[in-house]
Amino acid sequence: MNAPVNGCPDQVRQSGAIHIRKNSLDRVLFVFYMAAMDRASAIEHQRLPLIGHVIALFAMIGLVEGGTVERVPKPLHRAVLRILRTMESAVRRLIVAAARDIVLEPPKPRPPRTTAKPRDKAKARADGEVKEKRKRRPLFNLFDPLKRFGRRFRKKKRRGPEPRAYFFPPDPPDTRHPIFRGIRQPVPEPPPPPPPPPPAPVVEKKADDGTVNAKPLIRRLMAVLDAVQDIPRQAMRLARWQARPKEERRPERWSPLRPGRPPGFRRRPIHEVDDILKECHWLATDGNPPLDDTS
């Protein structure tokens, strides 16, 4: 039976020898890692595996270069989304760590944009001078979704018993001459009934074939792939947002990360991305001091 040596739980006597547990060795390596950590190499160390995992998600849904996927099965959609949500949080924290030491001046206010008149646009379109808008690739979302506090589904209030008291106003006074008061007034003919409404169009209910639209999922995958392949560009996007005053930021937030655990966090990992998210979250919060911090 293993027993601690001198009351120290990190050392165990086993078969006449003293072995050091892995936890104590991790603590020692953690101290040296904190003392001499290169942030750029740490970001690169976490970035390279993420690229492979994104490509693996493309392969899961069957999307290859030059091909298209319109719909995917629901179980496959949930499985990919479960990993993608964790991957987005990890990439977002790498961007925050990379943008930590980028300092930019607040941008100057832009002049008001002049819009062309509709007639001018129609004339230019007829002359062929209007350029077609280039399709933009989806941008990566730099901000965590905010937490939902309180009840997610509010209970409906039940109506209590109400008094069944009714009030009938008195008949209006007859203002006719006394000679004609006993004569009943002719009842006006009711107006003709309105024409019947046109029949509602028959909408055929689509049968559930067990698949969902794959376009939103593919756009998110493309955005994550572009972001993880060019972290410095995304860091500049975040630095420009941080350079603005809080009142001018869109969205108006103090930090792109939400407090507490990141989205997609799992206490018990089910995929390699879960461990990467833990490392990236530590890198963006506790392990990300500014370079000029001498404390």
Protein backbone atom coordinates (compact mmCIF):
# COMPACT_ATOMS: atom_id res chain seq x y z
CA MET A 1 0.00 0.00 0.00
CA ASN A 2 1.32 3.42 -0.91
CA ALA A 3 1.83 5.84 1.97
CA PRO A 4 2.94 9.49 2.03
CA VAL A 5 6.48 10.21 3.15
CA ASN A 6 6.82 12.61 6.12
CA GLY A 7 3.22 13.66 5.72
CA CYS A 8 3.85 15.05 2.23
CA PRO A 9 1.15 13.91 -0.23
CA ASP A 10 3.37 14.62 -3.26
CA GLN A 11 5.88 11.90 -2.29
CA VAL A 12 4.85 8.26 -2.12
CA ARG A 13 6.88 5.29 -0.83
CA GLN A 14 6.45 2.40 -3.22
CA SER A 15 8.54 -0.83 -3.12
CA GLY A 16 11.27 0.76 -1.02
CA ALA A 17 11.69 3.78 -3.34
CA ILE A 18 10.35 7.30 -3.21
CA HIS A 19 8.40 8.44 -6.24
CA ILE A 20 7.23 11.99 -6.89
CA ARG A 21 3.69 12.30 -8.08
CA LYS A 22 2.92 14.01 -11.34
CA ASN A 23 1.04 16.88 -9.64
CA SER A 24 4.13 18.15 -7.86
CA LEU A 25 6.16 17.98 -11.08
CA ASP A 26 3.45 19.96 -12.87
CA ARG A 27 3.67 22.64 -10.20
CA VAL A 28 7.41 22.97 -10.67
CA LEU A 29 7.07 23.18 -14.45
CA PHE A 30 4.26 25.70 -14.04
CA VAL A 31 6.55 28.01 -12.01
CA PHE A 32 9.28 27.88 -14.66
CA TYR A 33 6.71 28.32 -17.42
CA MET A 34 5.38 31.45 -15.74
CA ALA A 35 8.89 32.82 -15.26
CA ALA A 36 9.98 32.54 -18.89
CA MET A 37 6.93 32.35 -21.10
CA ASP A 38 6.99 33.56 -24.65
CA ARG A 39 3.46 34.65 -25.44
CA ALA A 40 3.86 34.37 -29.20
CA SER A 41 5.13 30.79 -28.98
CA ALA A 42 2.36 29.91 -26.52
CA ILE A 43 -0.27 31.24 -28.93
CA GLU A 44 1.36 29.37 -31.82
CA HIS A 45 1.47 26.19 -29.74
CA GLN A 46 -2.31 26.32 -29.27
CA ARG A 47 -3.10 27.64 -32.75
CA LEU A 48 -1.63 24.82 -34.82
CA PRO A 49 -3.81 22.02 -33.37
CA LEU A 50 -6.92 24.17 -33.83
CA ILE A 51 -6.32 24.38 -37.58
CA GLY A 52 -6.32 20.60 -37.82
CA HIS A 53 -9.52 20.33 -35.78
CA VAL A 54 -11.31 22.86 -38.02
CA ILE A 55 -10.32 20.90 -41.12
CA ALA A 56 -11.56 17.75 -39.42
CA LEU A 57 -14.98 19.40 -38.89
CA PHE A 58 -15.14 20.22 -42.60
CA ALA A 59 -14.44 16.58 -43.31
CA MET A 60 -17.15 15.48 -40.86
CA ILE A 61 -19.88 17.30 -42.80
CA GLY A 62 -18.44 16.06 -46.11
CA LEU A 63 -17.35 19.45 -47.47
CA VAL A 64 -14.33 19.26 -49.74
CA GLU A 65 -12.61 21.91 -51.83
CA GLY A 66 -14.85 22.96 -54.70
CA GLY A 67 -17.90 21.11 -53.33
CA THR A 68 -21.09 22.22 -51.65
CA VAL A 69 -23.25 20.82 -48.87
CA GLU A 70 -26.86 21.98 -48.64
CA ARG A 71 -28.22 19.96 -45.73
CA VAL A 72 -26.77 17.76 -43.03
CA PRO A 73 -28.40 15.26 -40.65
CA LYS A 74 -29.49 16.63 -37.30
CA PRO A 75 -27.26 14.33 -35.18
CA LEU A 76 -24.23 15.33 -37.26
CA HIS A 77 -25.18 19.01 -36.97
CA ARG A 78 -25.36 18.77 -33.17
CA ALA A 79 -22.06 16.87 -32.98
CA VAL A 80 -20.22 19.46 -35.10
CA LEU A 81 -21.81 22.38 -33.25
CA ARG A 82 -20.80 20.90 -29.91
CA ILE A 83 -17.13 21.00 -30.90
CA LEU A 84 -17.38 24.24 -32.89
CA ARG A 85 -18.71 26.23 -29.93
CA THR A 86 -15.71 25.23 -27.83
CA MET A 87 -13.35 25.93 -30.71
CA GLU A 88 -14.73 29.45 -31.20
CA SER A 89 -14.13 30.25 -27.53
CA ALA A 90 -10.55 29.01 -27.77
CA VAL A 91 -9.78 31.08 -30.89
CA ARG A 92 -11.41 34.12 -29.31
CA ARG A 93 -9.11 33.85 -26.29
CA LEU A 94 -6.04 33.53 -28.49
CA ILE A 95 -7.05 36.78 -30.19
CA VAL A 96 -7.45 38.50 -26.81
CA ALA A 97 -4.00 37.30 -25.74
CA ALA A 98 -2.45 38.51 -29.01
CA ALA A 99 -4.11 41.94 -28.76
CA ARG A 100 -3.06 42.54 -25.16
CA ASP A 101 -0.05 44.76 -25.96
CA ILE A 102 -1.44 46.48 -29.08
CA VAL A 103 -2.15 50.12 -28.22
CA LEU A 104 -3.85 52.33 -30.80
CA GLU A 105 -5.02 55.91 -30.71
CA PRO A 106 -8.76 56.56 -30.75
CA PRO A 107 -9.94 56.83 -34.35
CA LYS A 108 -10.87 60.23 -35.71
CA PRO A 109 -14.56 60.86 -36.37
CA ARG A 110 -15.52 60.08 -39.92
CA PRO A 111 -17.19 62.75 -42.08
CA PRO A 112 -20.87 62.20 -42.84
CA ARG A 113 -21.35 59.87 -45.74
CA THR A 114 -23.06 61.35 -48.78
CA THR A 115 -25.62 59.06 -50.34
CA ALA A 116 -26.36 59.24 -54.04
CA LYS A 117 -29.88 60.00 -55.19
CA PRO A 118 -31.97 57.14 -56.54
CA ARG A 119 -32.08 58.79 -59.96
CA ASP A 120 -28.29 59.01 -60.10
CA LYS A 121 -28.01 55.35 -59.09
CA ALA A 122 -30.48 54.26 -61.75
CA LYS A 123 -28.67 56.31 -64.41
CA ALA A 124 -25.28 54.93 -63.42
CA ARG A 125 -26.67 51.38 -63.41
CA ALA A 126 -28.09 51.92 -66.90
CA ASP A 127 -24.73 53.19 -68.13
CA GLY A 128 -22.97 50.20 -66.57
CA GLU A 129 -20.87 52.31 -64.20
CA VAL A 130 -22.07 50.64 -61.00
CA LYS A 131 -19.65 48.02 -59.73
CA GLU A 132 -21.05 44.80 -58.40
CA LYS A 133 -20.55 44.29 -54.69
CA ARG A 134 -17.88 41.78 -53.88
CA LYS A 135 -19.01 38.92 -51.72
CA ARG A 136 -17.30 39.16 -48.35
CA ARG A 137 -16.19 36.15 -46.42
CA PRO A 138 -17.88 35.76 -43.03
CA LEU A 139 -16.14 37.61 -40.21
CA PHE A 140 -15.31 35.90 -36.96
CA ASN A 141 -17.32 37.06 -33.94
CA LEU A 142 -14.87 38.54 -31.43
CA PHE A 143 -17.34 38.64 -28.53
CA ASP A 144 -18.65 35.96 -26.23
CA PRO A 145 -22.43 35.59 -26.03
CA LEU A 146 -23.64 37.07 -22.75
CA LYS A 147 -25.01 34.89 -20.02
CA ARG A 148 -28.73 34.64 -19.42
CA PHE A 149 -29.65 35.35 -15.83
CA GLY A 150 -32.99 34.54 -14.26
CA ARG A 151 -35.64 32.23 -15.59
CA ARG A 152 -35.24 31.25 -19.18
CA PHE A 153 -38.91 30.47 -19.55
CA ARG A 154 -41.29 32.56 -17.46
CA LYS A 155 -44.37 30.93 -16.05
CA LYS A 156 -47.66 32.22 -17.34
CA LYS A 157 -49.81 33.97 -14.76
CA ARG A 158 -53.08 32.23 -14.15
CA ARG A 159 -56.19 34.32 -14.06
CA GLY A 160 -57.91 34.15 -10.70
CA PRO A 161 -61.65 34.09 -10.06
CA GLU A 162 -63.42 37.28 -11.08
CA PRO A 163 -66.78 38.62 -9.84
CA ARG A 164 -69.64 37.89 -12.20
CA ALA A 165 -71.38 41.24 -11.82
CA TYR A 166 -72.80 42.84 -14.92
CA PHE A 167 -74.15 46.37 -15.37
CA PHE A 168 -76.86 47.21 -17.87
CA PRO A 169 -77.16 50.94 -18.60
CA PRO A 170 -80.71 52.38 -18.65
CA ASP A 171 -82.44 53.06 -21.92
CA PRO A 172 -81.82 56.52 -23.36
CA PRO A 173 -84.69 59.01 -22.83
CA ASP A 174 -87.24 59.39 -25.65
CA THR A 175 -86.89 62.97 -26.91
CA ARG A 176 -89.78 62.80 -29.39
CA HIS A 177 -93.06 64.68 -29.12
CA PRO A 178 -95.55 63.14 -26.62
CA ILE A 179 -97.93 62.30 -29.46
CA PHE A 180 -95.35 60.03 -31.12
CA ARG A 181 -93.87 58.47 -28.00
CA GLY A 182 -96.12 55.43 -28.09
CA ILE A 183 -95.29 54.68 -31.69
CA ARG A 184 -92.43 52.31 -32.19
CA GLN A 185 -89.64 53.60 -34.31
CA PRO A 186 -89.01 51.71 -37.51
CA VAL A 187 -86.08 49.39 -37.20
CA PRO A 188 -83.48 50.25 -39.83
CA GLU A 189 -82.52 47.49 -42.14
CA PRO A 190 -79.22 45.89 -41.27
CA PRO A 191 -76.35 46.64 -43.64
CA PRO A 192 -75.56 43.99 -46.17
CA PRO A 193 -73.06 41.43 -44.96
CA PRO A 194 -69.50 41.97 -46.12
CA PRO A 195 -68.27 39.73 -48.88
CA PRO A 196 -66.60 36.55 -47.65
CA PRO A 197 -62.83 36.75 -47.39
CA PRO A 198 -60.83 34.97 -50.05
CA PRO A 199 -59.81 31.47 -49.12
CA ALA A 200 -56.46 31.18 -47.43
CA PRO A 201 -53.73 29.69 -49.57
CA VAL A 202 -53.12 26.07 -48.83
CA VAL A 203 -49.66 25.69 -47.37
CA GLU A 204 -48.30 22.22 -47.56
CA LYS A 205 -46.47 21.20 -44.44
CA LYS A 206 -42.97 20.09 -45.21
CA ALA A 207 -42.21 16.66 -43.97
CA ASP A 208 -39.36 16.49 -41.49
CA ASP A 209 -36.63 14.61 -43.31
CA GLY A 210 -34.24 14.69 -40.35
CA THR A 211 -31.86 17.25 -41.88
CA VAL A 212 -31.13 20.96 -41.31
CA ASN A 213 -29.72 23.75 -43.44
CA ALA A 214 -25.92 23.59 -43.48
CA LYS A 215 -25.20 27.15 -44.68
CA PRO A 216 -25.05 28.84 -41.21
CA LEU A 217 -22.80 26.07 -39.93
CA ILE A 218 -20.47 26.35 -42.91
CA ARG A 219 -20.23 30.13 -42.52
CA ARG A 220 -19.18 29.73 -38.89
CA LEU A 221 -16.60 27.12 -39.86
CA MET A 222 -15.17 29.40 -42.55
CA ALA A 223 -15.01 32.31 -40.09
CA VAL A 224 -13.15 30.21 -37.51
CA LEU A 225 -10.71 28.92 -40.14
CA ASP A 226 -9.93 32.44 -41.40
CA ALA A 227 -9.45 33.69 -37.83
CA VAL A 228 -7.16 30.90 -36.68
CA GLN A 229 -5.04 31.23 -39.82
CA ASP A 230 -4.50 34.98 -39.29
CA ILE A 231 -4.49 35.77 -35.57
CA PRO A 232 -2.63 39.13 -35.93
CA ARG A 233 -5.32 40.51 -38.25
CA GLN A 234 -8.06 39.58 -35.81
CA ALA A 235 -6.00 41.08 -32.97
CA MET A 236 -5.89 44.39 -34.84
CA ARG A 237 -9.67 44.27 -35.23
CA LEU A 238 -10.01 43.82 -31.49
CA ALA A 239 -7.46 46.56 -30.75
CA ARG A 240 -9.40 49.04 -32.90
CA TRP A 241 -12.55 48.19 -30.96
CA GLN A 242 -10.75 48.59 -27.63
CA ALA A 243 -9.30 51.97 -28.68
CA ARG A 244 -12.76 53.50 -28.86
CA PRO A 245 -14.50 54.91 -25.77
CA LYS A 246 -17.04 52.58 -24.24
CA GLU A 247 -19.93 54.77 -25.40
CA GLU A 248 -18.82 54.47 -29.03
CA ARG A 249 -18.11 50.75 -29.02
CA ARG A 250 -20.37 48.42 -30.91
CA PRO A 251 -21.28 46.33 -29.02
CA GLU A 252 -21.06 48.56 -25.95
CA ARG A 253 -19.10 46.31 -23.62
CA TRP A 254 -16.05 46.53 -21.41
CA SER A 255 -14.49 43.25 -22.50
CA PRO A 256 -15.02 40.83 -25.38
CA LEU A 257 -14.95 37.95 -22.88
CA ARG A 258 -17.81 37.25 -20.55
CA PRO A 259 -17.15 36.67 -16.84
CA GLY A 260 -16.94 33.16 -15.52
CA ARG A 261 -16.47 30.06 -17.57
CA PRO A 262 -16.13 30.43 -21.34
CA PRO A 263 -18.83 29.21 -23.72
CA GLY A 264 -18.43 25.54 -24.50
CA PHE A 265 -16.48 24.80 -21.30
CA ARG A 266 -16.73 21.24 -20.00
CA ARG A 267 -15.46 20.04 -16.68
CA ARG A 268 -15.01 16.56 -18.12
CA PRO A 269 -13.37 16.79 -21.54
CA ILE A 270 -14.95 14.85 -24.38
CA HIS A 271 -12.64 16.15 -27.10
CA GLU A 272 -9.10 17.46 -27.39
CA VAL A 273 -10.50 20.95 -28.01
CA ASP A 274 -11.75 21.05 -24.40
CA ASP A 275 -8.18 20.90 -23.07
CA ILE A 276 -7.08 23.53 -25.59
CA LEU A 277 -9.87 25.85 -24.40
CA LYS A 278 -8.67 25.58 -20.80
CA GLU A 279 -5.13 26.54 -21.83
CA CYS A 280 -6.35 29.41 -24.03
CA HIS A 281 -8.62 30.73 -21.28
CA TRP A 282 -5.72 30.75 -18.83
CA LEU A 283 -3.55 32.44 -21.44
CA ALA A 284 -6.13 35.21 -22.02
CA THR A 285 -6.82 35.89 -18.33
CA ASP A 286 -4.41 34.71 -15.64
CA GLY A 287 -1.42 34.01 -17.84
CA ASN A 288 -1.61 37.17 -19.91
CA PRO A 289 0.08 40.02 -18.03
CA PRO A 290 1.15 43.09 -20.05
CA LEU A 291 4.76 43.14 -21.19
CA ASP A 292 5.57 46.24 -19.13
CA ASP A 293 4.21 44.66 -15.95
CA THR A 294 7.11 44.40 -13.45
CA SER A 295 5.03 43.14 -10.56
